[in-house]
Amino acid sequence: MIRLKLTVHFQGRMPERNIDLDHVKDAIERPDEKKPDPRGVKVKKKVGEKTIVVVYSEEKFRDKQGQFLIITAYYL
């Protein structure tokens, strides 16, 4: 099971973008696409008719195994 830490930016955008944290976790655990991003790692995951994009830090702010800092997330 993964645990999420949320940046202030993400916390502010989450309600505006109607982000489901289960979708964020699923994208991290089982991404359809994963690639480096200047801010960390960017993953994409198809959820229903939408695709969620999540940018998270895998190393710099990861202080425990299974814990990820979510920088931003949005639906395409």
PDB file of N, CA and C in Angstrom:
ATOM      1  N   MET A   1       0.834  -1.184   0.000  1.00  0.00           N
ATOM      2  CA  MET A   1       0.000   0.000   0.000  1.00  0.00           C
ATOM      3  C   MET A   1       0.880   1.249   0.000  1.00  0.00           C
ATOM      4  N   ILE A   2       0.554   2.184  -0.853  1.00  0.00           N
ATOM      5  CA  ILE A   2       1.338   3.406  -0.911  1.00  0.00           C
ATOM      6  C   ILE A   2       0.665   4.513  -0.107  1.00  0.00           C
ATOM      7  N   ARG A   3       1.498   5.410   0.389  1.00  0.00           N
ATOM      8  CA  ARG A   3       1.000   6.582   1.108  1.00  0.00           C
ATOM      9  C   ARG A   3       1.391   7.812   0.312  1.00  0.00           C
ATOM     10  N   LEU A   4       0.520   8.799   0.309  1.00  0.00           N
ATOM     11  CA  LEU A   4       0.754  10.016  -0.453  1.00  0.00           C
ATOM     12  C   LEU A   4       0.994  11.199   0.465  1.00  0.00           C
ATOM     13  N   LYS A   5       1.943  12.035   0.064  1.00  0.00           N
ATOM     14  CA  LYS A   5       2.115  13.358   0.653  1.00  0.00           C
ATOM     15  C   LYS A   5       1.680  14.325  -0.438  1.00  0.00           C
ATOM     16  N   LEU A   6       0.942  15.350  -0.087  1.00  0.00           N
ATOM     17  CA  LEU A   6       0.391  16.258  -1.082  1.00  0.00           C
ATOM     18  C   LEU A   6       1.015  17.641  -0.942  1.00  0.00           C
ATOM     19  N   THR A   7       1.502  18.196  -2.059  1.00  0.00           N
ATOM     20  CA  THR A   7       2.021  19.560  -2.021  1.00  0.00           C
ATOM     21  C   THR A   7       0.864  20.529  -1.834  1.00  0.00           C
ATOM     22  N   VAL A   8       1.184  21.734  -1.403  1.00  0.00           N
ATOM     23  CA  VAL A   8       0.174  22.773  -1.247  1.00  0.00           C
ATOM     24  C   VAL A   8      -0.481  23.053  -2.597  1.00  0.00           C
ATOM     25  N   HIS A   9       0.329  23.079  -3.659  1.00  0.00           N
ATOM     26  CA  HIS A   9      -0.210  23.298  -5.014  1.00  0.00           C
ATOM     27  C   HIS A   9      -1.275  22.258  -5.339  1.00  0.00           C
ATOM     28  N   PHE A  10      -0.935  21.003  -5.123  1.00  0.00           N
ATOM     29  CA  PHE A  10      -1.879  19.936  -5.449  1.00  0.00           C
ATOM     30  C   PHE A  10      -3.133  20.008  -4.583  1.00  0.00           C
ATOM     31  N   GLN A  11      -2.960  20.284  -3.296  1.00  0.00           N
ATOM     32  CA  GLN A  11      -4.116  20.376  -2.407  1.00  0.00           C
ATOM     33  C   GLN A  11      -5.080  21.468  -2.867  1.00  0.00           C
ATOM     34  N   GLY A  12      -4.539  22.570  -3.373  1.00  0.00           N
ATOM     35  CA  GLY A  12      -5.388  23.651  -3.870  1.00  0.00           C
ATOM     36  C   GLY A  12      -6.097  23.306  -5.159  1.00  0.00           C
ATOM     37  N   ARG A  13      -5.442  22.540  -6.007  1.00  0.00           N
ATOM     38  CA  ARG A  13      -6.017  22.189  -7.318  1.00  0.00           C
ATOM     39  C   ARG A  13      -6.940  20.983  -7.271  1.00  0.00           C
ATOM     40  N   MET A  14      -6.757  20.153  -6.274  1.00  0.00           N
ATOM     41  CA  MET A  14      -7.517  18.900  -6.190  1.00  0.00           C
ATOM     42  C   MET A  14      -9.033  19.105  -6.275  1.00  0.00           C
ATOM     43  N   PRO A  15      -9.622  19.996  -5.480  1.00  0.00           N
ATOM     44  CA  PRO A  15     -11.073  20.170  -5.578  1.00  0.00           C
ATOM     45  C   PRO A  15     -11.496  20.793  -6.914  1.00  0.00           C
ATOM     46  N   GLU A  16     -10.686  21.716  -7.431  1.00  0.00           N
ATOM     47  CA  GLU A  16     -10.996  22.353  -8.721  1.00  0.00           C
ATOM     48  C   GLU A  16     -11.028  21.327  -9.851  1.00  0.00           C
ATOM     49  N   ARG A  17     -10.121  20.374  -9.773  1.00  0.00           N
ATOM     50  CA  ARG A  17      -9.979  19.374 -10.840  1.00  0.00           C
ATOM     51  C   ARG A  17     -10.740  18.092 -10.545  1.00  0.00           C
ATOM     52  N   ASN A  18     -11.384  18.038  -9.376  1.00  0.00           N
ATOM     53  CA  ASN A  18     -12.172  16.871  -8.985  1.00  0.00           C
ATOM     54  C   ASN A  18     -11.337  15.586  -9.056  1.00  0.00           C
ATOM     55  N   ILE A  19     -10.144  15.643  -8.461  1.00  0.00           N
ATOM     56  CA  ILE A  19      -9.208  14.518  -8.504  1.00  0.00           C
ATOM     57  C   ILE A  19      -9.583  13.481  -7.459  1.00  0.00           C
ATOM     58  N   ASP A  20      -9.644  12.238  -7.880  1.00  0.00           N
ATOM     59  CA  ASP A  20      -9.906  11.100  -7.004  1.00  0.00           C
ATOM     60  C   ASP A  20      -8.548  10.511  -6.588  1.00  0.00           C
ATOM     61  N   LEU A  21      -8.260  10.503  -5.292  1.00  0.00           N
ATOM     62  CA  LEU A  21      -6.967   9.998  -4.824  1.00  0.00           C
ATOM     63  C   LEU A  21      -6.760   8.522  -5.148  1.00  0.00           C
ATOM     64  N   ASP A  22      -7.832   7.761  -5.267  1.00  0.00           N
ATOM     65  CA  ASP A  22      -7.685   6.362  -5.681  1.00  0.00           C
ATOM     66  C   ASP A  22      -7.139   6.283  -7.102  1.00  0.00           C
ATOM     67  N   HIS A  23      -7.534   7.215  -7.968  1.00  0.00           N
ATOM     68  CA  HIS A  23      -6.995   7.255  -9.328  1.00  0.00           C
ATOM     69  C   HIS A  23      -5.510   7.608  -9.300  1.00  0.00           C
ATOM     70  N   VAL A  24      -5.123   8.523  -8.414  1.00  0.00           N
ATOM     71  CA  VAL A  24      -3.712   8.906  -8.275  1.00  0.00           C
ATOM     72  C   VAL A  24      -2.890   7.695  -7.849  1.00  0.00           C
ATOM     73  N   LYS A  25      -3.350   6.980  -6.838  1.00  0.00           N
ATOM     74  CA  LYS A  25      -2.639   5.797  -6.364  1.00  0.00           C
ATOM     75  C   LYS A  25      -2.542   4.725  -7.444  1.00  0.00           C
ATOM     76  N   ASP A  26      -3.638   4.507  -8.161  1.00  0.00           N
ATOM     77  CA  ASP A  26      -3.655   3.500  -9.222  1.00  0.00           C
ATOM     78  C   ASP A  26      -2.666   3.869 -10.331  1.00  0.00           C
ATOM     79  N   ALA A  27      -2.592   5.147 -10.663  1.00  0.00           N
ATOM     80  CA  ALA A  27      -1.660   5.594 -11.711  1.00  0.00           C
ATOM     81  C   ALA A  27      -0.214   5.356 -11.291  1.00  0.00           C
ATOM     82  N   ILE A  28       0.095   5.568 -10.023  1.00  0.00           N
ATOM     83  CA  ILE A  28       1.454   5.345  -9.537  1.00  0.00           C
ATOM     84  C   ILE A  28       1.776   3.852  -9.493  1.00  0.00           C
ATOM     85  N   GLU A  29       0.843   3.069  -9.018  1.00  0.00           N
ATOM     86  CA  GLU A  29       1.090   1.624  -8.867  1.00  0.00           C
ATOM     87  C   GLU A  29       1.063   0.876 -10.195  1.00  0.00           C
ATOM     88  N   ARG A  30       0.167   1.271 -11.102  1.00  0.00           N
ATOM     89  CA  ARG A  30      -0.001   0.549 -12.365  1.00  0.00           C
ATOM     90  C   ARG A  30      -0.156   1.526 -13.539  1.00  0.00           C
ATOM     91  N   PRO A  31       0.885   2.287 -13.850  1.00  0.00           N
ATOM     92  CA  PRO A  31       0.758   3.282 -14.917  1.00  0.00           C
ATOM     93  C   PRO A  31       0.681   2.643 -16.306  1.00  0.00           C
ATOM     94  N   ASP A  32      -0.035   3.316 -17.200  1.00  0.00           N
ATOM     95  CA  ASP A  32      -0.029   2.912 -18.607  1.00  0.00           C
ATOM     96  C   ASP A  32       1.223   3.472 -19.290  1.00  0.00           C
ATOM     97  N   GLU A  33       1.699   4.602 -18.768  1.00  0.00           N
ATOM     98  CA  GLU A  33       2.878   5.257 -19.315  1.00  0.00           C
ATOM     99  C   GLU A  33       3.635   5.903 -18.159  1.00  0.00           C
ATOM    100  N   LYS A  34       4.968   5.797 -18.189  1.00  0.00           N
ATOM    101  CA  LYS A  34       5.794   6.376 -17.130  1.00  0.00           C
ATOM    102  C   LYS A  34       7.046   6.949 -17.771  1.00  0.00           C
ATOM    103  N   LYS A  35       7.359   8.224 -17.438  1.00  0.00           N
ATOM    104  CA  LYS A  35       8.571   8.823 -17.985  1.00  0.00           C
ATOM    105  C   LYS A  35       9.100   9.888 -17.039  1.00  0.00           C
ATOM    106  N   PRO A  36      10.388  10.205 -17.178  1.00  0.00           N
ATOM    107  CA  PRO A  36      10.971  11.250 -16.334  1.00  0.00           C
ATOM    108  C   PRO A  36      10.336  12.610 -16.640  1.00  0.00           C
ATOM    109  N   ASP A  37      10.313  13.449 -15.644  1.00  0.00           N
ATOM    110  CA  ASP A  37       9.799  14.812 -15.751  1.00  0.00           C
ATOM    111  C   ASP A  37      10.784  15.693 -14.989  1.00  0.00           C
ATOM    112  N   PRO A  38      10.965  16.950 -15.385  1.00  0.00           N
ATOM    113  CA  PRO A  38      11.906  17.801 -14.649  1.00  0.00           C
ATOM    114  C   PRO A  38      11.603  17.899 -13.141  1.00  0.00           C
ATOM    115  N   ARG A  39      10.348  17.672 -12.772  1.00  0.00           N
ATOM    116  CA  ARG A  39       9.952  17.751 -11.365  1.00  0.00           C
ATOM    117  C   ARG A  39       9.988  16.401 -10.663  1.00  0.00           C
ATOM    118  N   GLY A  40      10.190  15.323 -11.407  1.00  0.00           N
ATOM    119  CA  GLY A  40      10.197  13.984 -10.814  1.00  0.00           C
ATOM    120  C   GLY A  40       9.841  12.938 -11.844  1.00  0.00           C
ATOM    121  N   VAL A  41       8.688  12.317 -11.671  1.00  0.00           N
ATOM    122  CA  VAL A  41       8.202  11.269 -12.573  1.00  0.00           C
ATOM    123  C   VAL A  41       6.791  11.629 -13.004  1.00  0.00           C
ATOM    124  N   LYS A  42       6.501  11.423 -14.295  1.00  0.00           N
ATOM    125  CA  LYS A  42       5.152  11.665 -14.813  1.00  0.00           C
ATOM    126  C   LYS A  42       4.573  10.334 -15.256  1.00  0.00           C
ATOM    127  N   VAL A  43       3.375  10.027 -14.759  1.00  0.00           N
ATOM    128  CA  VAL A  43       2.686   8.804 -15.156  1.00  0.00           C
ATOM    129  C   VAL A  43       1.314   9.150 -15.706  1.00  0.00           C
ATOM    130  N   LYS A  44       0.832   8.283 -16.584  1.00  0.00           N
ATOM    131  CA  LYS A  44      -0.513   8.420 -17.133  1.00  0.00           C
ATOM    132  C   LYS A  44      -1.236   7.096 -16.960  1.00  0.00           C
ATOM    133  N   LYS A  45      -2.538   7.198 -16.682  1.00  0.00           N
ATOM    134  CA  LYS A  45      -3.354   6.001 -16.484  1.00  0.00           C
ATOM    135  C   LYS A  45      -4.764   6.276 -16.980  1.00  0.00           C
ATOM    136  N   LYS A  46      -5.284   5.394 -17.793  1.00  0.00           N
ATOM    137  CA  LYS A  46      -6.664   5.488 -18.269  1.00  0.00           C
ATOM    138  C   LYS A  46      -7.596   5.076 -17.143  1.00  0.00           C
ATOM    139  N   VAL A  47      -8.570   5.949 -16.847  1.00  0.00           N
ATOM    140  CA  VAL A  47      -9.586   5.661 -15.825  1.00  0.00           C
ATOM    141  C   VAL A  47     -10.940   5.995 -16.430  1.00  0.00           C
ATOM    142  N   GLY A  48     -11.671   4.969 -16.779  1.00  0.00           N
ATOM    143  CA  GLY A  48     -12.949   5.185 -17.460  1.00  0.00           C
ATOM    144  C   GLY A  48     -12.719   5.824 -18.814  1.00  0.00           C
ATOM    145  N   GLU A  49     -13.403   6.927 -19.067  1.00  0.00           N
ATOM    146  CA  GLU A  49     -13.247   7.614 -20.349  1.00  0.00           C
ATOM    147  C   GLU A  49     -12.171   8.689 -20.308  1.00  0.00           C
ATOM    148  N   LYS A  50     -11.579   8.908 -19.141  1.00  0.00           N
ATOM    149  CA  LYS A  50     -10.549   9.930 -18.976  1.00  0.00           C
ATOM    150  C   LYS A  50      -9.189   9.280 -18.767  1.00  0.00           C
ATOM    151  N   THR A  51      -8.165  10.113 -18.843  1.00  0.00           N
ATOM    152  CA  THR A  51      -6.808   9.707 -18.496  1.00  0.00           C
ATOM    153  C   THR A  51      -6.325  10.648 -17.412  1.00  0.00           C
ATOM    154  N   ILE A  52      -5.782  10.082 -16.337  1.00  0.00           N
ATOM    155  CA  ILE A  52      -5.205  10.926 -15.289  1.00  0.00           C
ATOM    156  C   ILE A  52      -3.702  11.005 -15.495  1.00  0.00           C
ATOM    157  N   VAL A  53      -3.172  12.199 -15.316  1.00  0.00           N
ATOM    158  CA  VAL A  53      -1.736  12.447 -15.374  1.00  0.00           C
ATOM    159  C   VAL A  53      -1.313  12.843 -13.963  1.00  0.00           C
ATOM    160  N   VAL A  54      -0.270  12.188 -13.454  1.00  0.00           N
ATOM    161  CA  VAL A  54       0.232  12.475 -12.112  1.00  0.00           C
ATOM    162  C   VAL A  54       1.727  12.743 -12.203  1.00  0.00           C
ATOM    163  N   VAL A  55       2.163  13.825 -11.573  1.00  0.00           N
ATOM    164  CA  VAL A  55       3.592  14.117 -11.447  1.00  0.00           C
ATOM    165  C   VAL A  55       3.923  14.000  -9.970  1.00  0.00           C
ATOM    166  N   TYR A  56       4.925  13.169  -9.674  1.00  0.00           N
ATOM    167  CA  TYR A  56       5.306  12.955  -8.280  1.00  0.00           C
ATOM    168  C   TYR A  56       6.810  12.854  -8.161  1.00  0.00           C
ATOM    169  N   SER A  57       7.292  13.066  -6.960  1.00  0.00           N
ATOM    170  CA  SER A  57       8.711  12.932  -6.684  1.00  0.00           C
ATOM    171  C   SER A  57       8.967  11.554  -6.122  1.00  0.00           C
ATOM    172  N   GLU A  58       9.886  10.884  -6.751  1.00  0.00           N
ATOM    173  CA  GLU A  58      10.189   9.510  -6.362  1.00  0.00           C
ATOM    174  C   GLU A  58      11.387   9.433  -5.424  1.00  0.00           C
ATOM    175  N   GLU A  59      12.282  10.411  -5.496  1.00  0.00           N
ATOM    176  CA  GLU A  59      13.508  10.318  -4.714  1.00  0.00           C
ATOM    177  C   GLU A  59      13.708  11.470  -3.745  1.00  0.00           C
ATOM    178  N   LYS A  60      13.682  12.681  -4.235  1.00  0.00           N
ATOM    179  CA  LYS A  60      14.081  13.827  -3.430  1.00  0.00           C
ATOM    180  C   LYS A  60      13.287  13.972  -2.136  1.00  0.00           C
ATOM    181  N   PHE A  61      11.982  13.741  -2.193  1.00  0.00           N
ATOM    182  CA  PHE A  61      11.150  13.944  -1.016  1.00  0.00           C
ATOM    183  C   PHE A  61      10.603  12.637  -0.450  1.00  0.00           C
ATOM    184  N   ARG A  62      11.071  11.540  -0.969  1.00  0.00           N
ATOM    185  CA  ARG A  62      10.572  10.237  -0.509  1.00  0.00           C
ATOM    186  C   ARG A  62      11.355   9.830   0.728  1.00  0.00           C
ATOM    187  N   ASP A  63      10.718   9.881   1.881  1.00  0.00           N
ATOM    188  CA  ASP A  63      11.430   9.582   3.116  1.00  0.00           C
ATOM    189  C   ASP A  63      11.113   8.196   3.677  1.00  0.00           C
ATOM    190  N   LYS A  64      10.147   7.540   3.103  1.00  0.00           N
ATOM    191  CA  LYS A  64       9.804   6.188   3.536  1.00  0.00           C
ATOM    192  C   LYS A  64       9.413   5.382   2.313  1.00  0.00           C
ATOM    193  N   GLN A  65       9.646   4.095   2.364  1.00  0.00           N
ATOM    194  CA  GLN A  65       9.250   3.234   1.266  1.00  0.00           C
ATOM    195  C   GLN A  65       7.731   3.276   1.107  1.00  0.00           C
ATOM    196  N   GLY A  66       7.293   3.417  -0.135  1.00  0.00           N
ATOM    197  CA  GLY A  66       5.862   3.443  -0.387  1.00  0.00           C
ATOM    198  C   GLY A  66       5.210   4.785  -0.136  1.00  0.00           C
ATOM    199  N   GLN A  67       6.024   5.844   0.050  1.00  0.00           N
ATOM    200  CA  GLN A  67       5.469   7.174   0.271  1.00  0.00           C
ATOM    201  C   GLN A  67       5.921   8.082  -0.873  1.00  0.00           C
ATOM    202  N   PHE A  68       4.968   8.801  -1.476  1.00  0.00           N
ATOM    203  CA  PHE A  68       5.249   9.615  -2.640  1.00  0.00           C
ATOM    204  C   PHE A  68       4.725  11.030  -2.443  1.00  0.00           C
ATOM    205  N   LEU A  69       5.506  12.015  -2.888  1.00  0.00           N
ATOM    206  CA  LEU A  69       5.079  13.400  -2.837  1.00  0.00           C
ATOM    207  C   LEU A  69       4.394  13.732  -4.161  1.00  0.00           C
ATOM    208  N   ILE A  70       3.112  14.037  -4.107  1.00  0.00           N
ATOM    209  CA  ILE A  70       2.351  14.357  -5.312  1.00  0.00           C
ATOM    210  C   ILE A  70       2.507  15.848  -5.596  1.00  0.00           C
ATOM    211  N   ILE A  71       3.087  16.154  -6.743  1.00  0.00           N
ATOM    212  CA  ILE A  71       3.317  17.538  -7.132  1.00  0.00           C
ATOM    213  C   ILE A  71       2.076  18.110  -7.811  1.00  0.00           C
ATOM    214  N   THR A  72       1.530  17.362  -8.754  1.00  0.00           N
ATOM    215  CA  THR A  72       0.296  17.783  -9.424  1.00  0.00           C
ATOM    216  C   THR A  72      -0.367  16.587 -10.062  1.00  0.00           C
ATOM    217  N   ALA A  73      -1.639  16.740 -10.391  1.00  0.00           N
ATOM    218  CA  ALA A  73      -2.394  15.716 -11.104  1.00  0.00           C
ATOM    219  C   ALA A  73      -3.553  16.404 -11.805  1.00  0.00           C
ATOM    220  N   TYR A  74      -3.908  15.853 -12.950  1.00  0.00           N
ATOM    221  CA  TYR A  74      -5.038  16.408 -13.723  1.00  0.00           C
ATOM    222  C   TYR A  74      -5.539  15.338 -14.673  1.00  0.00           C
ATOM    223  N   TYR A  75      -6.751  15.546 -15.134  1.00  0.00           N
ATOM    224  CA  TYR A  75      -7.362  14.643 -16.113  1.00  0.00           C
ATOM    225  C   TYR A  75      -7.230  15.240 -17.505  1.00  0.00           C
ATOM    226  N   LEU A  76      -7.013  14.371 -18.472  1.00  0.00           N
ATOM    227  CA  LEU A  76      -7.005  14.793 -19.885  1.00  0.00           C
ATOM    228  C   LEU A  76      -8.382  14.572 -20.458  1.00  0.00           C
TER     229      LEU A  76
END
